[in-house]
C-alpha atoms as a PDB file:
ATOM      1  CA  MET A   1      27.461  13.963  -1.657  1.00  0.00           C
ATOM      2  CA  ASN A   2      30.173  15.055  -4.103  1.00  0.00           C
ATOM      3  CA  GLU A   3      29.509  15.725  -7.716  1.00  0.00           C
ATOM      4  CA  LYS A   4      31.116  12.463  -8.941  1.00  0.00           C
ATOM      5  CA  ASN A   5      28.901  10.328  -6.679  1.00  0.00           C
ATOM      6  CA  GLN A   6      25.830  12.469  -7.493  1.00  0.00           C
ATOM      7  CA  ARG A   7      26.498  11.852 -11.287  1.00  0.00           C
ATOM      8  CA  LYS A   8      26.869   8.070 -10.616  1.00  0.00           C
ATOM      9  CA  LYS A   9      23.631   8.023  -8.665  1.00  0.00           C
ATOM     10  CA  ILE A  10      21.762   9.833 -11.525  1.00  0.00           C
ATOM     11  CA  GLU A  11      23.197   7.432 -14.077  1.00  0.00           C
ATOM     12  CA  TYR A  12      22.160   4.518 -11.949  1.00  0.00           C
ATOM     13  CA  ASN A  13      18.618   5.889 -11.525  1.00  0.00           C
ATOM     14  CA  THR A  14      18.325   6.563 -15.262  1.00  0.00           C
ATOM     15  CA  LYS A  15      19.384   2.962 -16.138  1.00  0.00           C
ATOM     16  CA  TYR A  16      17.100   1.470 -13.530  1.00  0.00           C
ATOM     17  CA  ASN A  17      14.103   3.540 -14.770  1.00  0.00           C
ATOM     18  CA  LYS A  18      14.742   2.533 -18.466  1.00  0.00           C
ATOM     19  CA  GLU A  19      14.825  -1.118 -17.435  1.00  0.00           C
ATOM     20  CA  ASN A  20      11.732  -1.067 -15.205  1.00  0.00           C
ATOM     21  CA  TYR A  21       9.319   1.600 -16.494  1.00  0.00           C
ATOM     22  CA  VAL A  22       7.930   2.928 -19.671  1.00  0.00           C
ATOM     23  CA  ASN A  23       6.512   6.363 -20.387  1.00  0.00           C
ATOM     24  CA  PHE A  24       2.718   6.630 -20.892  1.00  0.00           C
ATOM     25  CA  SER A  25       1.460   9.919 -22.147  1.00  0.00           C
ATOM     26  CA  LEU A  26      -2.037  11.049 -23.075  1.00  0.00           C
ATOM     27  CA  LYS A  27      -4.057  14.276 -23.478  1.00  0.00           C
ATOM     28  CA  ILE A  28      -7.282  14.523 -21.474  1.00  0.00           C
ATOM     29  CA  LYS A  29      -9.641  17.326 -20.632  1.00  0.00           C
ATOM     30  CA  PRO A  30      -8.859  19.438 -17.575  1.00  0.00           C
ATOM     31  CA  GLU A  31     -12.102  18.330 -15.983  1.00  0.00           C
ATOM     32  CA  LEU A  32     -11.047  14.731 -16.168  1.00  0.00           C
ATOM     33  CA  ASN A  33      -7.664  15.495 -14.947  1.00  0.00           C
ATOM     34  CA  ASN A  34      -9.146  17.259 -11.884  1.00  0.00           C
ATOM     35  CA  LYS A  35     -11.234  14.277 -11.075  1.00  0.00           C
ATOM     36  CA  ILE A  36      -8.263  11.923 -11.309  1.00  0.00           C
ATOM     37  CA  VAL A  37      -6.010  14.176  -9.237  1.00  0.00           C
ATOM     38  CA  ASN A  38      -8.637  14.740  -6.603  1.00  0.00           C
ATOM     39  CA  TYR A  39      -9.403  11.036  -6.392  1.00  0.00           C
ATOM     40  CA  CYS A  40      -5.674  10.240  -6.031  1.00  0.00           C
ATOM     41  CA  LYS A  41      -5.201  12.872  -3.321  1.00  0.00           C
ATOM     42  CA  SER A  42      -8.369  11.769  -1.392  1.00  0.00           C
ATOM     43  CA  ASN A  43      -7.250   8.143  -1.445  1.00  0.00           C
ATOM     44  CA  ASP A  44      -3.503   8.850  -1.122  1.00  0.00           C
ATOM     45  CA  ILE A  45      -2.532   6.910  -4.196  1.00  0.00           C
ATOM     46  CA  SER A  46      -0.390   7.580  -7.186  1.00  0.00           C
ATOM     47  CA  ARG A  47      -1.811   7.997 -10.713  1.00  0.00           C
ATOM     48  CA  PRO A  48      -0.218   4.741 -11.934  1.00  0.00           C
ATOM     49  CA  GLU A  49      -1.959   3.064  -8.904  1.00  0.00           C
ATOM     50  CA  PHE A  50      -5.208   4.807  -9.939  1.00  0.00           C
ATOM     51  CA  LEU A  51      -4.855   3.408 -13.434  1.00  0.00           C
ATOM     52  CA  GLU A  52      -4.053  -0.037 -12.106  1.00  0.00           C
ATOM     53  CA  ARG A  53      -7.179   0.018  -9.849  1.00  0.00           C
ATOM     54  CA  ALA A  54      -9.305   1.285 -12.651  1.00  0.00           C
ATOM     55  CA  ILE A  55      -8.167  -1.525 -14.893  1.00  0.00           C
ATOM     56  CA  GLU A  56      -8.898  -4.148 -12.143  1.00  0.00           C
ATOM     57  CA  ALA A  57     -12.367  -2.702 -11.629  1.00  0.00           C
ATOM     58  CA  LEU A  58     -13.135  -2.829 -15.325  1.00  0.00           C
ATOM     59  CA  ASN A  59     -11.870  -6.425 -15.554  1.00  0.00           C
ATOM     60  CA  HIS A  60     -14.099  -7.569 -12.632  1.00  0.00           C
ATOM     61  CA  ASN A  61     -17.221  -6.016 -14.236  1.00  0.00           C
ATOM     62  CA  ILE A  62     -16.760  -7.643 -17.635  1.00  0.00           C
END
């Protein structure tokens, strides 16, 4: 891939991400992070999917 095409791809990806995603940042204790990371690895899921599942579980228990 030449440099011009690579630049266009990066621009496209940047535009797509801005239109379809938001950044979500938080500070958590290392122990909680380890639990989340280990759960995600054990279940082969992403952290956004973990968050989505956690919210679904909370909504069903309310």
